[in-house]
């Protein structure tokens, strides 16, 4: 391209005119001088030849300038220099041609990968405007060069657990669906109501049948909360489409993780709870992996399979478990000094009552971590059974009404199924002093398999109570005790997961739920 300037044409015309008059002037000088005196007296000054020649020259120059300017204006072309990221690429007639190219390339990139969020990397495009005489912008070559400089990428969502990158999925919706699916494995009702990792309390009843009874209608599990133990984060990242992972693969990695095969040889003094605590696993894992264990009996030399999945994510659920428990009718004793000791007569049959007990149950990936008694509400009072008994020479006979053997107590494990086994009593923590739950005679003091140090009281009315895992005892066999008397100190002997009292009530040789009597 070349720039054209109008002054060049004017200057050329002036030079040609000046050269012409230099040639003519010597020939006419003499003649002009001879006539000057006579003509000056005859014609006005403005009609003299020099003036008229000068005027003609000026007219010619003006005409040439006006004509040249119009010619240049008619052939001047506007165009635009194109820059990408500050570097010049070429020139185009109109920026719209670049915009059209970007729109077309963007559409082609998205059409080629419709399932992903594709982005065209066109860089920072800028322009400078120019004008030149008969300019010819290199539009086609510039657009072709730009097209070759463009790149593209997908925008995916990166999933991190405790700072560790698990993988990249195609969008936030997919990431949220995966996390919801993980929580659904252990809390389907709650997880289905969640949106983008926000937990909303949702309750559901585990009772399969409805009932008109208010107390029975409360029975079931209320799922109060579900959350991840680890810190889970998602954020957008630039990535190539072939690096985006399948949602099912990410899900399996999160819930399955890695397997750590572990074998453990039981040592002297070991218990199921102790081993579980040592390896930071649930006792349920030990029971599930070692079905041969019977009634918690293990001995030194036994080899336990402690293999457990190590998922990338741990789902913690908090449940409120509500049960209706029968209240055994208390026994009111009417003493009769005329009746022999050991003789009795039922004056009135008792009737069981009902109470609703609620536990707070914490699980991780479905394994029980802890359970705590939250409340106990009596729905129907029990009607006492009245028994008349003789009082002659009978010592250590129980009243039939039991007191909690620990003051400031807290229930740490309830009666019934636990970790796939039957738990024959309740576990209690609190003040370390263990007291007799009712009047009676000490039947046994010593150690029993699984229970550690044990005291058994015979209440001489068909009931017996057992106090297990004591660190020490302060009574002896045959000793008569009264309700509230100290019989020992709380401990963790035998198969125990920590310092607590294991408490059982037996009636006529049949194990009972202690909460029916307390």
Protein backbone atom coordinates (compact mmCIF):
# COMPACT_ATOMS: atom_id res chain seq x y z
CA UNK A 1 0.00 0.00 0.00
CA UNK A 2 1.08 3.58 -0.52
CA UNK A 3 -0.30 6.83 0.87
CA UNK A 4 -1.25 9.55 -1.72
CA UNK A 5 -0.85 13.29 -0.89
CA UNK A 6 -2.67 16.09 -2.95
CA UNK A 7 0.22 18.63 -2.56
CA UNK A 8 2.43 16.52 -4.87
CA UNK A 9 0.09 17.19 -7.85
CA UNK A 10 -0.13 20.92 -7.12
CA UNK A 11 3.65 21.19 -6.84
CA UNK A 12 4.10 19.38 -10.19
CA UNK A 13 1.66 21.72 -11.97
CA UNK A 14 3.41 24.80 -10.54
CA UNK A 15 6.83 23.60 -11.68
CA UNK A 16 5.59 22.95 -15.27
CA UNK A 17 3.98 26.42 -15.49
CA UNK A 18 7.05 28.17 -14.15
CA UNK A 19 9.26 26.38 -16.68
CA UNK A 20 6.99 27.45 -19.54
CA UNK A 21 7.16 31.13 -18.61
CA UNK A 22 10.91 31.05 -18.24
CA UNK A 23 11.11 29.99 -21.92
CA UNK A 24 8.70 32.66 -23.20
CA UNK A 25 9.91 35.60 -21.13
CA UNK A 26 13.30 36.26 -22.90
CA UNK A 27 11.62 36.45 -26.33
CA UNK A 28 9.06 38.99 -25.26
CA UNK A 29 11.10 41.23 -22.98
CA UNK A 30 12.14 43.76 -25.62
CA UNK A 31 8.74 44.06 -27.09
CA UNK A 32 7.13 44.56 -23.75
CA UNK A 33 9.56 47.33 -22.85
CA UNK A 34 8.93 49.22 -26.12
CA UNK A 35 5.23 49.15 -25.63
CA UNK A 36 5.12 49.77 -21.95
CA UNK A 37 5.21 53.56 -22.08
CA UNK A 38 2.45 53.89 -24.59
CA UNK A 39 0.23 51.12 -23.12
CA UNK A 40 0.59 52.42 -19.63
CA UNK A 41 -0.95 55.61 -20.65
CA UNK A 42 -3.71 53.87 -22.55
CA UNK A 43 -4.91 50.73 -20.37
CA UNK A 44 -5.71 50.24 -16.60
CA UNK A 45 -3.12 48.32 -14.52
CA UNK A 46 -5.26 45.24 -13.98
CA UNK A 47 -5.54 44.75 -17.74
CA UNK A 48 -1.86 44.65 -18.30
CA UNK A 49 -0.41 41.36 -19.54
CA UNK A 50 1.70 40.54 -16.45
CA UNK A 51 -1.32 40.79 -14.19
CA UNK A 52 -3.50 38.74 -16.48
CA UNK A 53 -0.82 36.04 -16.90
CA UNK A 54 -0.39 35.76 -13.12
CA UNK A 55 -4.13 35.48 -12.64
CA UNK A 56 -4.29 32.73 -15.24
CA UNK A 57 -1.54 30.81 -13.46
CA UNK A 58 -3.31 31.07 -10.11
CA UNK A 59 -6.55 29.86 -11.67
CA UNK A 60 -4.84 26.85 -13.22
CA UNK A 61 -3.18 25.94 -9.91
CA UNK A 62 -6.46 26.19 -7.96
CA UNK A 63 -8.27 24.01 -10.48
CA UNK A 64 -5.55 21.39 -10.34
CA UNK A 65 -5.65 21.32 -6.51
CA UNK A 66 -9.44 20.95 -6.31
CA UNK A 67 -9.47 18.22 -8.92
CA UNK A 68 -6.63 16.29 -7.24
CA UNK A 69 -8.28 16.40 -3.82
CA UNK A 70 -11.55 14.98 -5.15
CA UNK A 71 -9.70 12.23 -6.95
CA UNK A 72 -7.82 11.20 -3.80
CA UNK A 73 -10.98 11.26 -1.71
CA UNK A 74 -12.80 9.10 -4.21
CA UNK A 75 -10.03 6.45 -4.09
CA UNK A 76 -9.26 6.44 -0.34
CA UNK A 77 -10.11 3.08 1.40
CA UNK A 78 -10.79 2.62 5.17
CA UNK A 79 -9.54 -0.63 6.74
CA UNK A 80 -8.60 -2.12 10.16
CA UNK A 81 -5.43 -3.68 11.50
CA UNK A 82 -6.20 -6.75 13.63
CA UNK A 83 -4.22 -7.60 16.78
CA UNK A 84 -4.39 -10.79 18.90
CA UNK A 85 -2.99 -10.47 22.42
CA UNK A 86 -1.15 -7.31 21.33
CA UNK A 87 0.51 -8.84 18.25
CA UNK A 88 -0.55 -7.75 14.78
CA UNK A 89 -2.13 -10.51 12.67
CA UNK A 90 -3.24 -8.67 9.51
CA UNK A 91 -5.94 -6.35 8.16
CA UNK A 92 -9.66 -6.64 7.42
CA UNK A 93 -12.28 -4.42 5.82
CA UNK A 94 -14.66 -4.66 8.79
CA UNK A 95 -14.28 -5.98 12.41
CA UNK A 96 -17.60 -7.75 11.92
CA UNK A 97 -15.78 -10.26 9.71
CA UNK A 98 -13.65 -11.25 12.72
CA UNK A 99 -16.72 -11.39 14.97
CA UNK A 100 -18.44 -13.67 12.47
CA UNK A 101 -15.39 -15.95 12.39
CA UNK A 102 -15.32 -16.21 16.20
CA UNK A 103 -19.06 -17.00 16.30
CA UNK A 104 -18.66 -19.68 13.62
CA UNK A 105 -15.65 -21.28 15.34
CA UNK A 106 -17.43 -21.24 18.71
CA UNK A 107 -20.43 -23.02 17.21
CA UNK A 108 -18.22 -25.65 15.57
CA UNK A 109 -16.39 -26.33 18.86
CA UNK A 110 -19.65 -26.74 20.77
CA UNK A 111 -21.22 -28.90 18.04
CA UNK A 112 -18.17 -31.19 18.10
CA UNK A 113 -18.57 -31.80 21.88
CA UNK A 114 -22.24 -31.15 22.69
CA UNK A 115 -22.13 -32.89 26.09
CA UNK A 116 -19.43 -30.59 27.48
CA UNK A 117 -19.18 -26.89 28.25
CA UNK A 118 -16.75 -25.94 25.48
CA UNK A 119 -14.97 -22.58 25.24
CA UNK A 120 -13.13 -21.06 22.25
CA UNK A 121 -9.76 -19.54 23.15
CA UNK A 122 -9.75 -16.55 20.79
CA UNK A 123 -7.46 -14.41 22.93
CA UNK A 124 -7.83 -10.64 23.24
CA UNK A 125 -8.77 -9.17 19.85
CA UNK A 126 -8.17 -5.43 19.23
CA UNK A 127 -8.18 -3.12 16.19
CA UNK A 128 -6.68 0.12 14.88
CA UNK A 129 -8.39 1.98 12.04
CA UNK A 130 -6.42 3.18 8.98
CA UNK A 131 -7.12 4.94 5.62
CA UNK A 132 -4.98 4.75 2.45
CA UNK A 133 -5.17 5.52 -1.28
CA UNK A 134 -6.45 2.47 -3.14
CA UNK A 135 -5.71 0.23 -0.08
CA UNK A 136 -6.47 -3.51 -0.37
CA UNK A 137 -7.05 -5.16 3.11
CA UNK A 138 -5.82 -8.77 3.35
CA UNK A 139 -9.11 -9.98 4.87
CA UNK A 140 -9.07 -13.60 3.67
CA UNK A 141 -5.47 -14.24 4.71
CA UNK A 142 -6.00 -12.53 8.07
CA UNK A 143 -9.09 -14.61 8.89
CA UNK A 144 -7.30 -17.82 7.89
CA UNK A 145 -4.35 -16.92 10.11
CA UNK A 146 -6.65 -16.12 13.05
CA UNK A 147 -8.47 -19.42 12.63
CA UNK A 148 -5.19 -21.28 12.89
CA UNK A 149 -4.29 -19.40 16.08
CA UNK A 150 -7.57 -20.22 17.88
CA UNK A 151 -7.64 -23.11 20.39
CA UNK A 152 -10.44 -24.56 22.56
CA UNK A 153 -10.96 -26.25 25.93
CA UNK A 154 -13.74 -27.68 28.08
CA UNK A 155 -14.78 -26.21 31.44
CA UNK A 156 -15.18 -29.09 33.90
CA UNK A 157 -15.77 -29.33 37.66
CA UNK A 158 -12.96 -30.64 39.85
CA UNK A 159 -13.95 -32.68 42.92
CA UNK A 160 -11.61 -32.51 45.94
CA UNK A 161 -11.73 -34.41 49.25
CA UNK A 162 -9.51 -32.97 52.01
CA UNK A 163 -7.48 -31.22 49.30
CA UNK A 164 -6.97 -34.40 47.27
CA UNK A 165 -8.21 -34.25 43.66
CA UNK A 166 -10.52 -37.22 43.05
CA UNK A 167 -11.38 -36.36 39.45
CA UNK A 168 -13.03 -33.94 37.03
CA UNK A 169 -16.62 -34.26 35.79
CA UNK A 170 -18.41 -32.34 33.08
CA UNK A 171 -20.42 -29.88 35.20
CA UNK A 172 -21.55 -28.86 38.69
CA UNK A 173 -24.84 -30.72 38.33
CA UNK A 174 -22.95 -33.99 37.78
CA UNK A 175 -20.70 -33.34 40.79
CA UNK A 176 -23.72 -32.62 43.01
CA UNK A 177 -25.46 -35.77 41.77
CA UNK A 178 -22.42 -37.89 42.65
CA UNK A 179 -22.20 -36.47 46.18
CA UNK A 180 -25.93 -36.95 46.69
CA UNK A 181 -25.62 -40.53 45.47
CA UNK A 182 -22.85 -41.22 48.00
CA UNK A 183 -25.01 -39.92 50.84
CA UNK A 184 -28.02 -41.82 49.48
CA UNK A 185 -26.14 -45.05 50.14
CA UNK A 186 -26.54 -44.49 53.87
CA UNK A 187 -29.36 -41.91 54.12
CA UNK A 188 -31.60 -42.19 51.04
CA UNK A 189 -34.54 -40.13 52.32
CA UNK A 190 -32.46 -37.22 53.54
CA UNK A 191 -30.01 -37.23 50.64
CA UNK A 192 -32.81 -37.07 48.07
CA UNK A 193 -33.91 -33.71 49.48
CA UNK A 194 -30.45 -32.20 49.44
CA UNK A 195 -29.33 -29.61 46.94
CA UNK A 196 -25.68 -28.95 46.18
CA UNK A 197 -24.31 -30.32 49.44
CA UNK A 198 -26.72 -28.44 51.74
CA UNK A 199 -28.18 -30.66 54.44
CA UNK A 200 -31.87 -30.30 55.24
CA UNK A 201 -33.34 -32.33 58.10
CA UNK A 202 -35.79 -34.92 56.87
CA UNK A 203 -37.48 -37.47 59.10
CA UNK A 204 -39.01 -40.75 58.19
CA UNK A 205 -40.67 -43.49 60.19
CA UNK A 206 -39.19 -46.95 60.18
CA UNK A 207 -42.47 -48.43 61.45
CA UNK A 208 -43.96 -50.51 58.63
CA UNK A 209 -47.50 -50.39 60.02
CA UNK A 210 -49.56 -47.48 61.26
CA UNK A 211 -51.33 -47.60 64.59
CA UNK A 212 -53.96 -45.67 66.43
CA UNK A 213 -51.76 -45.69 69.51
CA UNK A 214 -49.94 -42.41 70.01
CA UNK A 215 -46.92 -44.14 71.53
CA UNK A 216 -46.62 -46.74 68.79
CA UNK A 217 -46.94 -44.07 66.10
CA UNK A 218 -43.76 -42.48 67.44
CA UNK A 219 -41.73 -45.63 66.98
CA UNK A 220 -39.11 -45.58 64.29
CA UNK A 221 -36.03 -43.74 63.14
CA UNK A 222 -35.87 -40.02 62.51
CA UNK A 223 -32.86 -39.12 60.40
CA UNK A 224 -31.76 -35.79 61.82
CA UNK A 225 -28.59 -35.03 59.92
CA UNK A 226 -26.21 -36.34 57.27
CA UNK A 227 -22.84 -34.87 56.41
CA UNK A 228 -19.39 -35.71 55.15
CA UNK A 229 -16.65 -36.09 57.73
CA UNK A 230 -14.05 -34.87 55.22
CA UNK A 231 -13.93 -31.40 53.61
CA UNK A 232 -15.47 -31.63 50.13
CA UNK A 233 -14.97 -28.84 47.58
CA UNK A 234 -15.81 -28.35 43.90
CA UNK A 235 -14.48 -25.70 41.51
CA UNK A 236 -14.38 -25.00 37.78
CA UNK A 237 -11.22 -25.97 35.86
CA UNK A 238 -10.09 -25.78 32.23
CA UNK A 239 -9.48 -29.23 30.78
CA UNK A 240 -9.47 -31.16 27.53
CA UNK A 241 -12.68 -33.13 26.84
CA UNK A 242 -10.89 -36.51 26.80
CA UNK A 243 -9.72 -35.90 30.39
CA UNK A 244 -13.24 -35.58 31.83
CA UNK A 245 -14.15 -38.69 33.85
CA UNK A 246 -17.29 -40.81 33.96
CA UNK A 247 -19.63 -40.12 36.90
CA UNK A 248 -19.93 -43.83 37.78
CA UNK A 249 -16.16 -44.17 38.02
CA UNK A 250 -15.91 -41.19 40.38
CA UNK A 251 -18.74 -42.60 42.53
CA UNK A 252 -17.05 -46.00 42.86
CA UNK A 253 -13.77 -44.38 43.83
CA UNK A 254 -15.50 -42.33 46.53
CA UNK A 255 -17.43 -45.21 48.13
CA UNK A 256 -14.94 -48.03 47.62
CA UNK A 257 -11.60 -46.29 47.84
CA UNK A 258 -8.86 -48.77 48.57
CA UNK A 259 -8.80 -52.04 50.48
CA UNK A 260 -6.29 -52.53 53.27
CA UNK A 261 -6.01 -56.28 54.07
CA UNK A 262 -5.22 -56.60 57.78
CA UNK A 263 -4.70 -59.67 59.97
CA UNK A 264 -4.30 -59.45 63.73
CA UNK A 265 -3.25 -62.10 66.24
CA UNK A 266 -5.13 -61.81 69.53
CA UNK A 267 -2.90 -61.03 72.51
CA UNK A 268 -3.42 -61.89 76.15
CA UNK A 269 -5.98 -59.51 77.69
CA UNK A 270 -7.46 -58.42 74.32
CA UNK A 271 -11.19 -57.90 73.82
CA UNK A 272 -13.33 -57.10 70.77
CA UNK A 273 -13.86 -53.49 71.82
CA UNK A 274 -10.18 -53.03 72.69
CA UNK A 275 -9.05 -54.30 69.28
CA UNK A 276 -11.63 -52.14 67.48
CA UNK A 277 -10.42 -49.07 69.34
CA UNK A 278 -6.78 -49.94 68.63
CA UNK A 279 -7.41 -50.11 64.86
CA UNK A 280 -9.95 -47.26 64.83
CA UNK A 281 -12.70 -49.43 63.36
CA UNK A 282 -16.21 -50.36 64.43
CA UNK A 283 -16.62 -53.60 66.42
CA UNK A 284 -19.19 -54.51 63.77
CA UNK A 285 -16.35 -54.87 61.24
CA UNK A 286 -14.74 -57.52 63.44
CA UNK A 287 -18.00 -59.43 63.85
CA UNK A 288 -18.83 -59.23 60.12
CA UNK A 289 -15.37 -60.43 59.04
CA UNK A 290 -15.08 -63.18 61.68
CA UNK A 291 -18.39 -65.02 61.81
CA UNK A 292 -16.86 -67.78 63.93
CA UNK A 293 -16.78 -65.53 67.01
CA UNK A 294 -19.39 -66.81 69.49
CA UNK A 295 -20.57 -64.61 72.36
CA UNK A 296 -17.49 -62.39 72.17
CA UNK A 297 -15.21 -65.31 73.06
CA UNK A 298 -11.70 -64.88 71.69
CA UNK A 299 -8.41 -66.14 73.08
CA UNK A 300 -4.74 -65.39 72.69
CA UNK A 301 -3.44 -66.77 69.40
CA UNK A 302 -6.69 -66.36 67.46
CA UNK A 303 -6.17 -64.62 64.10
CA UNK A 304 -8.74 -61.96 63.26
CA UNK A 305 -9.49 -60.60 59.81
CA UNK A 306 -9.68 -56.81 60.19
CA UNK A 307 -9.77 -56.02 56.46
CA UNK A 308 -11.90 -52.96 55.84
CA UNK A 309 -12.66 -50.73 52.87
CA UNK A 310 -11.11 -47.29 53.07
CA UNK A 311 -13.49 -45.09 51.08
CA UNK A 312 -12.47 -41.58 50.06
CA UNK A 313 -15.60 -40.19 51.71
CA UNK A 314 -17.12 -40.94 55.11
CA UNK A 315 -20.84 -40.30 55.50
CA UNK A 316 -21.83 -39.48 59.07
CA UNK A 317 -25.51 -39.90 59.94
CA UNK A 318 -27.26 -38.88 63.13
CA UNK A 319 -30.51 -40.68 63.84
CA UNK A 320 -33.10 -40.33 66.54
CA UNK A 321 -34.29 -43.86 67.33
CA UNK A 322 -37.58 -44.09 69.20
CA UNK A 323 -38.87 -47.31 70.78
CA UNK A 324 -41.83 -48.18 72.94
CA UNK A 325 -40.70 -50.18 75.96
CA UNK A 326 -42.97 -52.06 78.31
CA UNK A 327 -42.76 -50.99 81.93
CA UNK A 328 -42.82 -54.02 84.20
CA UNK A 329 -45.35 -53.57 86.99
CA UNK A 330 -43.61 -52.72 90.24
CA UNK A 331 -44.13 -55.08 93.10
CA UNK A 332 -45.56 -53.79 96.33
CA UNK A 333 -44.85 -56.03 99.25
CA UNK A 334 -47.25 -56.16 102.14
CA UNK A 335 -45.45 -57.75 105.02
CA UNK A 336 -47.18 -60.23 107.21
CA UNK A 337 -45.37 -61.10 110.37
CA UNK A 338 -47.56 -64.12 110.80
CA UNK A 339 -46.42 -65.66 107.48
CA UNK A 340 -43.25 -67.67 107.35
CA UNK A 341 -40.32 -66.26 105.51
CA UNK A 342 -40.49 -67.39 101.90
CA UNK A 343 -44.26 -67.63 101.82
CA UNK A 344 -46.17 -65.17 99.66
CA UNK A 345 -49.61 -64.50 98.29
CA UNK A 346 -50.63 -62.32 95.31
CA UNK A 347 -53.21 -59.82 96.45
CA UNK A 348 -53.48 -58.02 93.10
CA UNK A 349 -52.05 -58.82 89.67
CA UNK A 350 -49.94 -56.06 88.19
CA UNK A 351 -50.34 -54.55 84.73
CA UNK A 352 -47.47 -53.46 82.50
CA UNK A 353 -47.16 -49.84 81.49
CA UNK A 354 -45.52 -48.23 78.46
CA UNK A 355 -42.84 -45.62 77.94
CA UNK A 356 -41.26 -44.13 74.87
CA UNK A 357 -37.46 -44.00 74.93
CA UNK A 358 -35.41 -42.04 72.41
CA UNK A 359 -31.76 -42.66 71.52
CA UNK A 360 -29.32 -40.54 69.57
CA UNK A 361 -27.55 -42.94 67.21
CA UNK A 362 -24.40 -41.89 65.32
CA UNK A 363 -23.13 -43.95 62.39
CA UNK A 364 -20.30 -43.61 59.90
CA UNK A 365 -20.82 -45.31 56.55
CA UNK A 366 -23.56 -47.37 58.19
CA UNK A 367 -21.42 -48.62 61.10
CA UNK A 368 -22.59 -47.81 64.61
CA UNK A 369 -20.28 -45.34 66.34
CA UNK A 370 -22.29 -44.37 69.43
CA UNK A 371 -25.76 -44.43 70.93
CA UNK A 372 -27.02 -42.24 73.75
CA UNK A 373 -30.31 -42.22 75.63
CA UNK A 374 -31.88 -38.79 75.09
CA UNK A 375 -35.28 -39.03 76.73
CA UNK A 376 -37.74 -41.39 78.38
CA UNK A 377 -41.45 -40.53 78.50
CA UNK A 378 -44.00 -42.62 80.36
CA UNK A 379 -47.13 -43.08 78.27
CA UNK A 380 -49.01 -45.53 80.45
CA UNK A 381 -48.22 -45.99 84.11
CA UNK A 382 -47.76 -49.56 85.27
CA UNK A 383 -50.15 -50.86 87.91
CA UNK A 384 -48.20 -52.40 90.77
CA UNK A 385 -48.51 -56.02 91.70
CA UNK A 386 -49.35 -56.44 95.37
CA UNK A 387 -47.87 -59.42 97.11
CA UNK A 388 -48.23 -60.35 100.72
CA UNK A 389 -45.15 -62.00 102.14
CA UNK A 390 -44.18 -63.40 105.45
CA UNK A 391 -41.39 -61.66 107.35
CA UNK A 392 -40.28 -64.32 109.67
CA UNK A 393 -36.47 -64.71 109.74
CA UNK A 394 -35.97 -63.73 106.13
CA UNK A 395 -33.04 -61.39 105.44
CA UNK A 396 -31.84 -59.90 102.15
CA UNK A 397 -35.17 -60.07 100.35
CA UNK A 398 -35.64 -57.50 97.61
CA UNK A 399 -38.49 -55.02 97.41
CA UNK A 400 -39.15 -55.73 93.73
CA UNK A 401 -38.41 -52.09 92.88
CA UNK A 402 -34.96 -51.40 91.41
CA UNK A 403 -32.81 -48.27 91.64
CA UNK A 404 -30.16 -47.21 89.13
CA UNK A 405 -26.87 -48.70 90.39
CA UNK A 406 -24.89 -45.60 89.32
CA UNK A 407 -25.51 -41.99 90.33
CA UNK A 408 -25.18 -39.29 87.68
CA UNK A 409 -25.66 -42.06 85.16
CA UNK A 410 -25.64 -41.96 81.35
CA UNK A 411 -26.63 -44.84 79.07
CA UNK A 412 -23.86 -45.72 76.62
CA UNK A 413 -25.34 -48.88 75.08
CA UNK A 414 -28.88 -50.20 75.20
CA UNK A 415 -30.30 -53.69 75.63
CA UNK A 416 -30.86 -55.84 72.52
CA UNK A 417 -29.14 -56.28 69.19
CA UNK A 418 -25.77 -54.59 68.88
CA UNK A 419 -23.17 -55.14 66.13
CA UNK A 420 -25.08 -58.21 64.99
CA UNK A 421 -25.05 -59.75 68.50
CA UNK A 422 -27.46 -59.82 71.43
CA UNK A 423 -26.49 -57.38 74.18
CA UNK A 424 -27.89 -58.94 77.36
CA UNK A 425 -27.96 -55.80 79.48
CA UNK A 426 -27.28 -52.11 79.40
CA UNK A 427 -23.97 -50.21 79.66
CA UNK A 428 -23.88 -47.27 82.07
CA UNK A 429 -21.32 -44.58 82.79
CA UNK A 430 -21.31 -42.01 85.58
CA UNK A 431 -20.12 -42.00 89.19
CA UNK A 432 -17.59 -44.80 89.64
CA UNK A 433 -19.22 -46.18 92.81
CA UNK A 434 -21.47 -49.16 92.05
CA UNK A 435 -24.50 -49.63 94.34
CA UNK A 436 -26.90 -52.52 94.90
CA UNK A 437 -30.05 -51.98 92.83
CA UNK A 438 -32.22 -53.62 95.54
CA UNK A 439 -31.98 -55.56 98.78
CA UNK A 440 -30.46 -59.01 98.45
CA UNK A 441 -27.77 -61.53 99.23
CA UNK A 442 -24.42 -61.61 97.43
CA UNK A 443 -24.50 -64.82 95.40
CA UNK A 444 -21.24 -64.49 93.46
CA UNK A 445 -18.05 -62.42 93.65
CA UNK A 446 -15.26 -63.10 91.16
CA UNK A 447 -14.52 -63.19 87.44
CA UNK A 448 -16.56 -64.51 84.55
CA UNK A 449 -15.58 -64.90 80.89
CA UNK A 450 -16.22 -61.65 79.05
CA UNK A 451 -17.55 -59.87 82.14
CA UNK A 452 -14.27 -59.45 83.99
CA UNK A 453 -14.85 -58.81 87.70
CA UNK A 454 -18.50 -59.55 88.51
CA UNK A 455 -20.91 -59.27 91.45
CA UNK A 456 -24.26 -61.13 91.33
CA UNK A 457 -26.99 -60.35 93.85
CA UNK A 458 -29.86 -62.74 94.57
CA UNK A 459 -32.84 -60.66 95.68
CA UNK A 460 -34.69 -63.69 97.04
CA UNK A 461 -37.85 -62.81 95.12
CA UNK A 462 -37.12 -64.41 91.75
CA UNK A 463 -34.88 -61.55 90.62
CA UNK A 464 -31.10 -61.49 90.29
CA UNK A 465 -28.88 -58.59 89.18
CA UNK A 466 -25.41 -58.76 87.62
CA UNK A 467 -22.75 -56.03 87.75
CA UNK A 468 -19.88 -56.54 85.27
CA UNK A 469 -16.45 -55.07 84.29
CA UNK A 470 -15.75 -53.88 87.88
CA UNK A 471 -12.25 -52.74 88.68
CA UNK A 472 -12.75 -53.96 92.27
CA UNK A 473 -15.47 -55.14 94.63
CA UNK A 474 -16.13 -54.47 98.32
CA UNK A 475 -18.49 -57.34 99.21
CA UNK A 476 -18.19 -61.08 99.72
CA UNK A 477 -20.35 -64.07 98.98
CA UNK A 478 -23.25 -64.53 101.38
CA UNK A 479 -23.22 -60.91 102.53
CA UNK A 480 -26.61 -59.25 102.90
CA UNK A 481 -26.87 -55.84 101.23
CA UNK A 482 -29.53 -53.19 101.08
CA UNK A 483 -30.56 -51.03 98.17
CA UNK A 484 -27.92 -48.32 97.64
CA UNK A 485 -25.09 -50.14 99.45
CA UNK A 486 -21.68 -49.88 97.80
CA UNK A 487 -20.64 -53.18 96.23
CA UNK A 488 -17.70 -52.17 94.00
CA UNK A 489 -15.95 -49.67 91.69
CA UNK A 490 -16.63 -49.22 87.99
CA UNK A 491 -13.88 -50.50 85.69
CA UNK A 492 -13.02 -51.98 82.29
CA UNK A 493 -12.11 -55.59 83.05
CA UNK A 494 -13.07 -58.43 80.72
CA UNK A 495 -14.19 -57.71 77.15
CA UNK A 496 -14.82 -54.00 77.60
CA UNK A 497 -14.47 -51.03 75.26
CA UNK A 498 -13.91 -48.59 78.12
CA UNK A 499 -14.73 -47.81 81.75
CA UNK A 500 -18.43 -48.55 82.32
CA UNK A 501 -20.85 -50.81 84.20
CA UNK A 502 -22.55 -53.69 82.41
CA UNK A 503 -25.86 -54.22 84.27
CA UNK A 504 -28.29 -57.15 83.84
CA UNK A 505 -31.60 -58.12 85.46
CA UNK A 506 -32.78 -61.74 85.46
CA UNK A 507 -36.29 -62.82 86.46
CA UNK A 508 -36.76 -66.48 87.26
CA UNK A 509 -33.71 -67.25 85.17
CA UNK A 510 -34.84 -65.25 82.11
CA UNK A 511 -32.85 -62.21 80.98
CA UNK A 512 -34.84 -58.94 81.09
CA UNK A 513 -34.50 -55.45 79.62
CA UNK A 514 -33.31 -53.44 82.64
CA UNK A 515 -35.07 -50.32 81.35
CA UNK A 516 -38.39 -52.05 82.12
CA UNK A 517 -37.56 -51.76 85.82
CA UNK A 518 -35.57 -48.56 86.13
